[in-house]
mmCIF file of all heavy atoms, coordinates in Angstrom:
data_MODEL
# 
_entry.id   MODEL 
# 
loop_
_atom_site.group_PDB 
_atom_site.id 
_atom_site.type_symbol 
_atom_site.label_atom_id 
_atom_site.label_alt_id 
_atom_site.label_comp_id 
_atom_site.label_asym_id 
_atom_site.label_entity_id 
_atom_site.label_seq_id 
_atom_site.pdbx_PDB_ins_code 
_atom_site.Cartn_x 
_atom_site.Cartn_y 
_atom_site.Cartn_z 
_atom_site.occupancy 
_atom_site.B_iso_or_equiv 
_atom_site.pdbx_formal_charge 
_atom_site.auth_seq_id 
_atom_site.auth_comp_id 
_atom_site.auth_asym_id 
_atom_site.auth_atom_id 
_atom_site.pdbx_PDB_model_num 
ATOM 1   N N   . VAL A 1 1  ? 53.495 -40.841 95.532  1.00 0.00 ? 1  VAL A N   1 
ATOM 2   C CA  . VAL A 1 1  ? 53.884 -40.118 96.728  1.00 0.00 ? 1  VAL A CA  1 
ATOM 3   C C   . VAL A 1 1  ? 54.246 -41.023 97.917  1.00 0.00 ? 1  VAL A C   1 
ATOM 4   O O   . VAL A 1 1  ? 54.703 -40.519 98.931  1.00 0.00 ? 1  VAL A O   1 
ATOM 5   C CB  . VAL A 1 1  ? 52.780 -39.110 97.201  1.00 0.00 ? 1  VAL A CB  1 
ATOM 6   C CG1 . VAL A 1 1  ? 52.323 -38.263 96.061  1.00 0.00 ? 1  VAL A CG1 1 
ATOM 7   C CG2 . VAL A 1 1  ? 51.619 -39.843 97.846  1.00 0.00 ? 1  VAL A CG2 1 
ATOM 8   N N   . ASN A 1 2  ? 54.104 -42.319 97.807  1.00 0.00 ? 2  ASN A N   1 
ATOM 9   C CA  . ASN A 1 2  ? 54.142 -43.196 98.986  1.00 0.00 ? 2  ASN A CA  1 
ATOM 10  C C   . ASN A 1 2  ? 55.566 -43.295 99.585  1.00 0.00 ? 2  ASN A C   1 
ATOM 11  O O   . ASN A 1 2  ? 55.690 -43.753 100.687 1.00 0.00 ? 2  ASN A O   1 
ATOM 12  C CB  . ASN A 1 2  ? 53.613 -44.586 98.625  1.00 0.00 ? 2  ASN A CB  1 
ATOM 13  C CG  . ASN A 1 2  ? 54.439 -45.370 97.603  1.00 0.00 ? 2  ASN A CG  1 
ATOM 14  O OD1 . ASN A 1 2  ? 55.363 -44.842 97.061  1.00 0.00 ? 2  ASN A OD1 1 
ATOM 15  N ND2 . ASN A 1 2  ? 54.007 -46.567 97.356  1.00 0.00 ? 2  ASN A ND2 1 
ATOM 16  N N   . ASP A 1 3  ? 56.583 -42.856 98.881  1.00 0.00 ? 3  ASP A N   1 
ATOM 17  C CA  . ASP A 1 3  ? 57.904 -42.868 99.478  1.00 0.00 ? 3  ASP A CA  1 
ATOM 18  C C   . ASP A 1 3  ? 58.318 -41.453 99.887  1.00 0.00 ? 3  ASP A C   1 
ATOM 19  O O   . ASP A 1 3  ? 59.450 -41.309 100.421 1.00 0.00 ? 3  ASP A O   1 
ATOM 20  C CB  . ASP A 1 3  ? 58.974 -43.385 98.474  1.00 0.00 ? 3  ASP A CB  1 
ATOM 21  C CG  . ASP A 1 3  ? 58.783 -44.888 98.216  1.00 0.00 ? 3  ASP A CG  1 
ATOM 22  O OD1 . ASP A 1 3  ? 58.369 -45.615 99.128  1.00 0.00 ? 3  ASP A OD1 1 
ATOM 23  O OD2 . ASP A 1 3  ? 59.076 -45.316 97.051  1.00 0.00 ? 3  ASP A OD2 1 
ATOM 24  N N   . ARG A 1 4  ? 57.517 -40.481 99.676  1.00 0.00 ? 4  ARG A N   1 
ATOM 25  C CA  . ARG A 1 4  ? 57.906 -39.072 99.911  1.00 0.00 ? 4  ARG A CA  1 
ATOM 26  C C   . ARG A 1 4  ? 56.959 -38.323 100.856 1.00 0.00 ? 4  ARG A C   1 
ATOM 27  O O   . ARG A 1 4  ? 57.388 -37.345 101.525 1.00 0.00 ? 4  ARG A O   1 
ATOM 28  C CB  . ARG A 1 4  ? 57.963 -38.313 98.590  1.00 0.00 ? 4  ARG A CB  1 
ATOM 29  C CG  . ARG A 1 4  ? 58.941 -38.920 97.576  1.00 0.00 ? 4  ARG A CG  1 
ATOM 30  C CD  . ARG A 1 4  ? 58.971 -38.074 96.297  1.00 0.00 ? 4  ARG A CD  1 
ATOM 31  N NE  . ARG A 1 4  ? 57.715 -38.186 95.573  1.00 0.00 ? 4  ARG A NE  1 
ATOM 32  C CZ  . ARG A 1 4  ? 56.977 -37.121 95.291  1.00 0.00 ? 4  ARG A CZ  1 
ATOM 33  N NH1 . ARG A 1 4  ? 57.284 -35.867 95.743  1.00 0.00 ? 4  ARG A NH1 1 
ATOM 34  N NH2 . ARG A 1 4  ? 55.830 -37.270 94.658  1.00 0.00 ? 4  ARG A NH2 1 
ATOM 35  N N   . PHE A 1 5  ? 55.656 -38.721 100.955 1.00 0.00 ? 5  PHE A N   1 
ATOM 36  C CA  . PHE A 1 5  ? 54.735 -38.063 101.772 1.00 0.00 ? 5  PHE A CA  1 
ATOM 37  C C   . PHE A 1 5  ? 54.423 -38.861 102.997 1.00 0.00 ? 5  PHE A C   1 
ATOM 38  O O   . PHE A 1 5  ? 54.395 -40.153 102.972 1.00 0.00 ? 5  PHE A O   1 
ATOM 39  C CB  . PHE A 1 5  ? 53.416 -37.785 101.004 1.00 0.00 ? 5  PHE A CB  1 
ATOM 40  C CG  . PHE A 1 5  ? 53.518 -36.850 99.861  1.00 0.00 ? 5  PHE A CG  1 
ATOM 41  C CD1 . PHE A 1 5  ? 54.789 -36.275 99.496  1.00 0.00 ? 5  PHE A CD1 1 
ATOM 42  C CD2 . PHE A 1 5  ? 52.422 -36.381 99.271  1.00 0.00 ? 5  PHE A CD2 1 
ATOM 43  C CE1 . PHE A 1 5  ? 54.879 -35.392 98.440  1.00 0.00 ? 5  PHE A CE1 1 
ATOM 44  C CE2 . PHE A 1 5  ? 52.522 -35.482 98.208  1.00 0.00 ? 5  PHE A CE2 1 
ATOM 45  C CZ  . PHE A 1 5  ? 53.750 -34.972 97.808  1.00 0.00 ? 5  PHE A CZ  1 
ATOM 46  N N   . THR A 1 6  ? 54.038 -38.232 104.138 1.00 0.00 ? 6  THR A N   1 
ATOM 47  C CA  . THR A 1 6  ? 53.603 -38.857 105.321 1.00 0.00 ? 6  THR A CA  1 
ATOM 48  C C   . THR A 1 6  ? 52.407 -38.196 105.897 1.00 0.00 ? 6  THR A C   1 
ATOM 49  O O   . THR A 1 6  ? 52.381 -36.970 106.132 1.00 0.00 ? 6  THR A O   1 
ATOM 50  C CB  . THR A 1 6  ? 54.716 -38.915 106.391 1.00 0.00 ? 6  THR A CB  1 
ATOM 51  O OG1 . THR A 1 6  ? 55.831 -39.522 105.865 1.00 0.00 ? 6  THR A OG1 1 
ATOM 52  C CG2 . THR A 1 6  ? 54.222 -39.663 107.637 1.00 0.00 ? 6  THR A CG2 1 
ATOM 53  N N   . ILE A 1 7  ? 51.349 -38.934 106.119 1.00 0.00 ? 7  ILE A N   1 
ATOM 54  C CA  . ILE A 1 7  ? 50.085 -38.370 106.687 1.00 0.00 ? 7  ILE A CA  1 
ATOM 55  C C   . ILE A 1 7  ? 49.976 -38.796 108.148 1.00 0.00 ? 7  ILE A C   1 
ATOM 56  O O   . ILE A 1 7  ? 50.282 -39.892 108.499 1.00 0.00 ? 7  ILE A O   1 
ATOM 57  C CB  . ILE A 1 7  ? 48.812 -38.860 105.878 1.00 0.00 ? 7  ILE A CB  1 
ATOM 58  C CG1 . ILE A 1 7  ? 47.542 -38.167 106.396 1.00 0.00 ? 7  ILE A CG1 1 
ATOM 59  C CG2 . ILE A 1 7  ? 48.653 -40.357 105.953 1.00 0.00 ? 7  ILE A CG2 1 
ATOM 60  C CD1 . ILE A 1 7  ? 46.358 -38.400 105.525 1.00 0.00 ? 7  ILE A CD1 1 
ATOM 61  N N   . THR A 1 8  ? 49.606 -37.832 108.995 1.00 0.00 ? 8  THR A N   1 
ATOM 62  C CA  . THR A 1 8  ? 49.432 -38.056 110.468 1.00 0.00 ? 8  THR A CA  1 
ATOM 63  C C   . THR A 1 8  ? 48.128 -37.461 110.891 1.00 0.00 ? 8  THR A C   1 
ATOM 64  O O   . THR A 1 8  ? 47.604 -36.539 110.249 1.00 0.00 ? 8  THR A O   1 
ATOM 65  C CB  . THR A 1 8  ? 50.596 -37.508 111.255 1.00 0.00 ? 8  THR A CB  1 
ATOM 66  O OG1 . THR A 1 8  ? 50.717 -36.087 110.970 1.00 0.00 ? 8  THR A OG1 1 
ATOM 67  C CG2 . THR A 1 8  ? 51.913 -38.185 110.888 1.00 0.00 ? 8  THR A CG2 1 
ATOM 68  N N   . ARG A 1 9  ? 47.622 -37.950 111.992 1.00 0.00 ? 9  ARG A N   1 
ATOM 69  C CA  . ARG A 1 9  ? 46.327 -37.554 112.458 1.00 0.00 ? 9  ARG A CA  1 
ATOM 70  C C   . ARG A 1 9  ? 46.360 -37.455 114.002 1.00 0.00 ? 9  ARG A C   1 
ATOM 71  O O   . ARG A 1 9  ? 46.938 -38.315 114.654 1.00 0.00 ? 9  ARG A O   1 
ATOM 72  C CB  . ARG A 1 9  ? 45.246 -38.480 112.065 1.00 0.00 ? 9  ARG A CB  1 
ATOM 73  C CG  . ARG A 1 9  ? 43.827 -38.170 112.539 1.00 0.00 ? 9  ARG A CG  1 
ATOM 74  C CD  . ARG A 1 9  ? 42.853 -39.141 112.008 1.00 0.00 ? 9  ARG A CD  1 
ATOM 75  N NE  . ARG A 1 9  ? 41.474 -38.871 112.527 1.00 0.00 ? 9  ARG A NE  1 
ATOM 76  C CZ  . ARG A 1 9  ? 40.404 -39.582 112.192 1.00 0.00 ? 9  ARG A CZ  1 
ATOM 77  N NH1 . ARG A 1 9  ? 40.543 -40.704 111.394 1.00 0.00 ? 9  ARG A NH1 1 
ATOM 78  N NH2 . ARG A 1 9  ? 39.219 -39.318 112.638 1.00 0.00 ? 9  ARG A NH2 1 
ATOM 79  N N   . ARG A 1 10 ? 45.668 -36.396 114.512 1.00 0.00 ? 10 ARG A N   1 
ATOM 80  C CA  . ARG A 1 10 ? 45.537 -36.226 115.948 1.00 0.00 ? 10 ARG A CA  1 
ATOM 81  C C   . ARG A 1 10 ? 44.032 -36.151 116.238 1.00 0.00 ? 10 ARG A C   1 
ATOM 82  O O   . ARG A 1 10 ? 43.387 -35.140 115.979 1.00 0.00 ? 10 ARG A O   1 
ATOM 83  C CB  . ARG A 1 10 ? 46.232 -34.979 116.405 1.00 0.00 ? 10 ARG A CB  1 
ATOM 84  C CG  . ARG A 1 10 ? 46.287 -34.760 117.930 1.00 0.00 ? 10 ARG A CG  1 
ATOM 85  C CD  . ARG A 1 10 ? 47.282 -33.750 118.306 1.00 0.00 ? 10 ARG A CD  1 
ATOM 86  N NE  . ARG A 1 10 ? 46.928 -32.450 117.837 1.00 0.00 ? 10 ARG A NE  1 
ATOM 87  C CZ  . ARG A 1 10 ? 47.614 -31.851 116.866 1.00 0.00 ? 10 ARG A CZ  1 
ATOM 88  N NH1 . ARG A 1 10 ? 48.639 -32.455 116.250 1.00 0.00 ? 10 ARG A NH1 1 
ATOM 89  N NH2 . ARG A 1 10 ? 47.227 -30.668 116.444 1.00 0.00 ? 10 ARG A NH2 1 
ATOM 90  N N   . ARG A 1 11 ? 43.437 -37.270 116.714 1.00 0.00 ? 11 ARG A N   1 
ATOM 91  C CA  . ARG A 1 11 ? 41.986 -37.415 116.713 1.00 0.00 ? 11 ARG A CA  1 
ATOM 92  C C   . ARG A 1 11 ? 41.310 -36.474 117.687 1.00 0.00 ? 11 ARG A C   1 
ATOM 93  O O   . ARG A 1 11 ? 40.208 -36.016 117.348 1.00 0.00 ? 11 ARG A O   1 
ATOM 94  C CB  . ARG A 1 11 ? 41.650 -38.857 117.052 1.00 0.00 ? 11 ARG A CB  1 
ATOM 95  C CG  . ARG A 1 11 ? 41.806 -39.851 115.906 1.00 0.00 ? 11 ARG A CG  1 
ATOM 96  C CD  . ARG A 1 11 ? 41.154 -41.175 116.173 1.00 0.00 ? 11 ARG A CD  1 
ATOM 97  N NE  . ARG A 1 11 ? 41.896 -41.903 117.154 1.00 0.00 ? 11 ARG A NE  1 
ATOM 98  C CZ  . ARG A 1 11 ? 42.965 -42.720 116.924 1.00 0.00 ? 11 ARG A CZ  1 
ATOM 99  N NH1 . ARG A 1 11 ? 43.351 -42.851 115.694 1.00 0.00 ? 11 ARG A NH1 1 
ATOM 100 N NH2 . ARG A 1 11 ? 43.522 -43.373 117.884 1.00 0.00 ? 11 ARG A NH2 1 
ATOM 101 N N   . PRO A 1 12 ? 41.828 -36.188 118.921 1.00 0.00 ? 12 PRO A N   1 
ATOM 102 C CA  . PRO A 1 12 ? 41.086 -35.283 119.814 1.00 0.00 ? 12 PRO A CA  1 
ATOM 103 C C   . PRO A 1 12 ? 40.782 -33.943 119.216 1.00 0.00 ? 12 PRO A C   1 
ATOM 104 O O   . PRO A 1 12 ? 39.727 -33.384 119.475 1.00 0.00 ? 12 PRO A O   1 
ATOM 105 C CB  . PRO A 1 12 ? 41.987 -35.192 121.020 1.00 0.00 ? 12 PRO A CB  1 
ATOM 106 C CG  . PRO A 1 12 ? 42.787 -36.489 121.007 1.00 0.00 ? 12 PRO A CG  1 
ATOM 107 C CD  . PRO A 1 12 ? 43.055 -36.761 119.552 1.00 0.00 ? 12 PRO A CD  1 
ATOM 108 N N   . ALA A 1 13 ? 41.696 -33.440 118.382 1.00 0.00 ? 13 ALA A N   1 
ATOM 109 C CA  . ALA A 1 13 ? 41.493 -32.131 117.751 1.00 0.00 ? 13 ALA A CA  1 
ATOM 110 C C   . ALA A 1 13 ? 41.046 -32.298 116.328 1.00 0.00 ? 13 ALA A C   1 
ATOM 111 O O   . ALA A 1 13 ? 40.841 -31.238 115.651 1.00 0.00 ? 13 ALA A O   1 
ATOM 112 C CB  . ALA A 1 13 ? 42.796 -31.373 117.797 1.00 0.00 ? 13 ALA A CB  1 
ATOM 113 N N   . ASN A 1 14 ? 40.791 -33.529 115.829 1.00 0.00 ? 14 ASN A N   1 
ATOM 114 C CA  . ASN A 1 14 ? 40.387 -33.747 114.510 1.00 0.00 ? 14 ASN A CA  1 
ATOM 115 C C   . ASN A 1 14 ? 41.225 -32.993 113.525 1.00 0.00 ? 14 ASN A C   1 
ATOM 116 O O   . ASN A 1 14 ? 40.765 -32.289 112.641 1.00 0.00 ? 14 ASN A O   1 
ATOM 117 C CB  . ASN A 1 14 ? 38.893 -33.365 114.310 1.00 0.00 ? 14 ASN A CB  1 
ATOM 118 C CG  . ASN A 1 14 ? 37.966 -34.358 114.964 1.00 0.00 ? 14 ASN A CG  1 
ATOM 119 O OD1 . ASN A 1 14 ? 38.201 -35.598 114.851 1.00 0.00 ? 14 ASN A OD1 1 
ATOM 120 N ND2 . ASN A 1 14 ? 36.920 -33.894 115.563 1.00 0.00 ? 14 ASN A ND2 1 
ATOM 121 N N   . THR A 1 15 ? 42.555 -33.131 113.624 1.00 0.00 ? 15 THR A N   1 
ATOM 122 C CA  . THR A 1 15 ? 43.486 -32.570 112.740 1.00 0.00 ? 15 THR A CA  1 
ATOM 123 C C   . THR A 1 15 ? 44.245 -33.616 111.928 1.00 0.00 ? 15 THR A C   1 
ATOM 124 O O   . THR A 1 15 ? 44.392 -34.749 112.420 1.00 0.00 ? 15 THR A O   1 
ATOM 125 C CB  . THR A 1 15 ? 44.463 -31.664 113.460 1.00 0.00 ? 15 THR A CB  1 
ATOM 126 O OG1 . THR A 1 15 ? 45.246 -32.485 114.392 1.00 0.00 ? 15 THR A OG1 1 
ATOM 127 C CG2 . THR A 1 15 ? 43.767 -30.597 114.287 1.00 0.00 ? 15 THR A CG2 1 
ATOM 128 N N   . VAL A 1 16 ? 44.675 -33.245 110.778 1.00 0.00 ? 16 VAL A N   1 
ATOM 129 C CA  . VAL A 1 16 ? 45.516 -34.134 109.966 1.00 0.00 ? 16 VAL A CA  1 
ATOM 130 C C   . VAL A 1 16 ? 46.542 -33.307 109.236 1.00 0.00 ? 16 VAL A C   1 
ATOM 131 O O   . VAL A 1 16 ? 46.271 -32.180 108.752 1.00 0.00 ? 16 VAL A O   1 
ATOM 132 C CB  . VAL A 1 16 ? 44.631 -34.887 108.960 1.00 0.00 ? 16 VAL A CB  1 
ATOM 133 C CG1 . VAL A 1 16 ? 43.884 -33.963 107.994 1.00 0.00 ? 16 VAL A CG1 1 
ATOM 134 C CG2 . VAL A 1 16 ? 45.397 -35.954 108.186 1.00 0.00 ? 16 VAL A CG2 1 
ATOM 135 N N   . ASN A 1 17 ? 47.750 -33.849 109.202 1.00 0.00 ? 17 ASN A N   1 
ATOM 136 C CA  . ASN A 1 17 ? 48.863 -33.204 108.546 1.00 0.00 ? 17 ASN A CA  1 
ATOM 137 C C   . ASN A 1 17 ? 49.337 -34.014 107.348 1.00 0.00 ? 17 ASN A C   1 
ATOM 138 O O   . ASN A 1 17 ? 49.182 -35.255 107.295 1.00 0.00 ? 17 ASN A O   1 
ATOM 139 C CB  . ASN A 1 17 ? 50.024 -32.930 109.480 1.00 0.00 ? 17 ASN A CB  1 
ATOM 140 C CG  . ASN A 1 17 ? 49.632 -31.982 110.606 1.00 0.00 ? 17 ASN A CG  1 
ATOM 141 O OD1 . ASN A 1 17 ? 48.766 -31.099 110.421 1.00 0.00 ? 17 ASN A OD1 1 
ATOM 142 N ND2 . ASN A 1 17 ? 50.356 -32.105 111.740 1.00 0.00 ? 17 ASN A ND2 1 
ATOM 143 N N   . LEU A 1 18 ? 50.017 -33.388 106.425 1.00 0.00 ? 18 LEU A N   1 
ATOM 144 C CA  . LEU A 1 18 ? 50.684 -34.058 105.322 1.00 0.00 ? 18 LEU A CA  1 
ATOM 145 C C   . LEU A 1 18 ? 52.116 -33.527 105.184 1.00 0.00 ? 18 LEU A C   1 
ATOM 146 O O   . LEU A 1 18 ? 52.263 -32.382 104.782 1.00 0.00 ? 18 LEU A O   1 
ATOM 147 C CB  . LEU A 1 18 ? 49.906 -33.911 104.027 1.00 0.00 ? 18 LEU A CB  1 
ATOM 148 C CG  . LEU A 1 18 ? 50.441 -34.706 102.830 1.00 0.00 ? 18 LEU A CG  1 
ATOM 149 C CD1 . LEU A 1 18 ? 50.218 -36.161 103.028 1.00 0.00 ? 18 LEU A CD1 1 
ATOM 150 C CD2 . LEU A 1 18 ? 49.789 -34.242 101.557 1.00 0.00 ? 18 LEU A CD2 1 
ATOM 151 N N   . ARG A 1 19 ? 53.086 -34.317 105.580 1.00 0.00 ? 19 ARG A N   1 
ATOM 152 C CA  . ARG A 1 19 ? 54.432 -33.938 105.407 1.00 0.00 ? 19 ARG A CA  1 
ATOM 153 C C   . ARG A 1 19 ? 54.915 -34.401 104.069 1.00 0.00 ? 19 ARG A C   1 
ATOM 154 O O   . ARG A 1 19 ? 54.929 -35.570 103.733 1.00 0.00 ? 19 ARG A O   1 
ATOM 155 C CB  . ARG A 1 19 ? 55.249 -34.600 106.489 1.00 0.00 ? 19 ARG A CB  1 
ATOM 156 C CG  . ARG A 1 19 ? 56.834 -34.362 106.416 1.00 0.00 ? 19 ARG A CG  1 
ATOM 157 C CD  . ARG A 1 19 ? 57.122 -32.869 106.634 1.00 0.00 ? 19 ARG A CD  1 
ATOM 158 N NE  . ARG A 1 19 ? 58.584 -32.649 106.600 1.00 0.00 ? 19 ARG A NE  1 
ATOM 159 C CZ  . ARG A 1 19 ? 59.140 -31.465 106.724 1.00 0.00 ? 19 ARG A CZ  1 
ATOM 160 N NH1 . ARG A 1 19 ? 58.412 -30.397 106.845 1.00 0.00 ? 19 ARG A NH1 1 
ATOM 161 N NH2 . ARG A 1 19 ? 60.466 -31.359 106.712 1.00 0.00 ? 19 ARG A NH2 1 
ATOM 162 N N   . MET A 1 20 ? 55.399 -33.425 103.236 1.00 0.00 ? 20 MET A N   1 
ATOM 163 C CA  . MET A 1 20 ? 55.800 -33.679 101.877 1.00 0.00 ? 20 MET A CA  1 
ATOM 164 C C   . MET A 1 20 ? 57.278 -33.356 101.742 1.00 0.00 ? 20 MET A C   1 
ATOM 165 O O   . MET A 1 20 ? 57.735 -32.277 102.059 1.00 0.00 ? 20 MET A O   1 
ATOM 166 C CB  . MET A 1 20 ? 54.999 -32.804 100.883 1.00 0.00 ? 20 MET A CB  1 
ATOM 167 C CG  . MET A 1 20 ? 53.447 -32.957 101.011 1.00 0.00 ? 20 MET A CG  1 
ATOM 168 S SD  . MET A 1 20 ? 52.594 -32.014 99.813  1.00 0.00 ? 20 MET A SD  1 
ATOM 169 C CE  . MET A 1 20 ? 52.993 -30.384 100.280 1.00 0.00 ? 20 MET A CE  1 
ATOM 170 N N   . THR A 1 21 ? 58.028 -34.356 101.257 1.00 0.00 ? 21 THR A N   1 
ATOM 171 C CA  . THR A 1 21 ? 59.457 -34.184 101.004 1.00 0.00 ? 21 THR A CA  1 
ATOM 172 C C   . THR A 1 21 ? 59.758 -34.527 99.576  1.00 0.00 ? 21 THR A C   1 
ATOM 173 O O   . THR A 1 21 ? 59.029 -35.189 98.830  1.00 0.00 ? 21 THR A O   1 
ATOM 174 C CB  . THR A 1 21 ? 60.288 -35.072 101.945 1.00 0.00 ? 21 THR A CB  1 
ATOM 175 O OG1 . THR A 1 21 ? 59.990 -36.430 101.712 1.00 0.00 ? 21 THR A OG1 1 
ATOM 176 C CG2 . THR A 1 21 ? 59.936 -34.761 103.373 1.00 0.00 ? 21 THR A CG2 1 
ATOM 177 N N   . ASP A 1 22 ? 61.021 -34.093 99.130  1.00 0.00 ? 22 ASP A N   1 
ATOM 178 C CA  . ASP A 1 22 ? 61.475 -34.353 97.799  1.00 0.00 ? 22 ASP A CA  1 
ATOM 179 C C   . ASP A 1 22 ? 60.328 -33.962 96.773  1.00 0.00 ? 22 ASP A C   1 
ATOM 180 O O   . ASP A 1 22 ? 60.015 -34.766 95.880  1.00 0.00 ? 22 ASP A O   1 
ATOM 181 C CB  . ASP A 1 22 ? 61.849 -35.798 97.621  1.00 0.00 ? 22 ASP A CB  1 
ATOM 182 C CG  . ASP A 1 22 ? 62.591 -36.073 96.312  1.00 0.00 ? 22 ASP A CG  1 
ATOM 183 O OD1 . ASP A 1 22 ? 63.157 -35.108 95.787  1.00 0.00 ? 22 ASP A OD1 1 
ATOM 184 O OD2 . ASP A 1 22 ? 62.614 -37.188 95.845  1.00 0.00 ? 22 ASP A OD2 1 
ATOM 185 N N   . LEU A 1 23 ? 59.834 -32.777 96.893  1.00 0.00 ? 23 LEU A N   1 
ATOM 186 C CA  . LEU A 1 23 ? 58.710 -32.338 96.024  1.00 0.00 ? 23 LEU A CA  1 
ATOM 187 C C   . LEU A 1 23 ? 59.197 -32.216 94.564  1.00 0.00 ? 23 LEU A C   1 
ATOM 188 O O   . LEU A 1 23 ? 60.275 -31.815 94.275  1.00 0.00 ? 23 LEU A O   1 
ATOM 189 C CB  . LEU A 1 23 ? 58.192 -31.020 96.517  1.00 0.00 ? 23 LEU A CB  1 
ATOM 190 C CG  . LEU A 1 23 ? 57.309 -31.140 97.787  1.00 0.00 ? 23 LEU A CG  1 
ATOM 191 C CD1 . LEU A 1 23 ? 57.135 -29.780 98.472  1.00 0.00 ? 23 LEU A CD1 1 
ATOM 192 C CD2 . LEU A 1 23 ? 55.943 -31.743 97.423  1.00 0.00 ? 23 LEU A CD2 1 
ATOM 193 N N   . LYS A 1 24 ? 58.281 -32.584 93.703  1.00 0.00 ? 24 LYS A N   1 
ATOM 194 C CA  . LYS A 1 24 ? 58.531 -32.572 92.263  1.00 0.00 ? 24 LYS A CA  1 
ATOM 195 C C   . LYS A 1 24 ? 57.569 -31.627 91.588  1.00 0.00 ? 24 LYS A C   1 
ATOM 196 O O   . LYS A 1 24 ? 56.472 -31.361 92.122  1.00 0.00 ? 24 LYS A O   1 
ATOM 197 C CB  . LYS A 1 24 ? 58.422 -33.983 91.716  1.00 0.00 ? 24 LYS A CB  1 
ATOM 198 C CG  . LYS A 1 24 ? 59.317 -34.994 92.427  1.00 0.00 ? 24 LYS A CG  1 
ATOM 199 C CD  . LYS A 1 24 ? 59.097 -36.391 91.818  1.00 0.00 ? 24 LYS A CD  1 
ATOM 200 C CE  . LYS A 1 24 ? 59.933 -37.409 92.584  1.00 0.00 ? 24 LYS A CE  1 
ATOM 201 N NZ  . LYS A 1 24 ? 61.329 -37.147 92.477  1.00 0.00 ? 24 LYS A NZ  1 
# 
């Protein structure tokens, strides 16, 4: 997934997202 997914974090709200592209 390292060329297709992106993980991001917003610490004050303790949230984390995973953007997934070119799904298989």
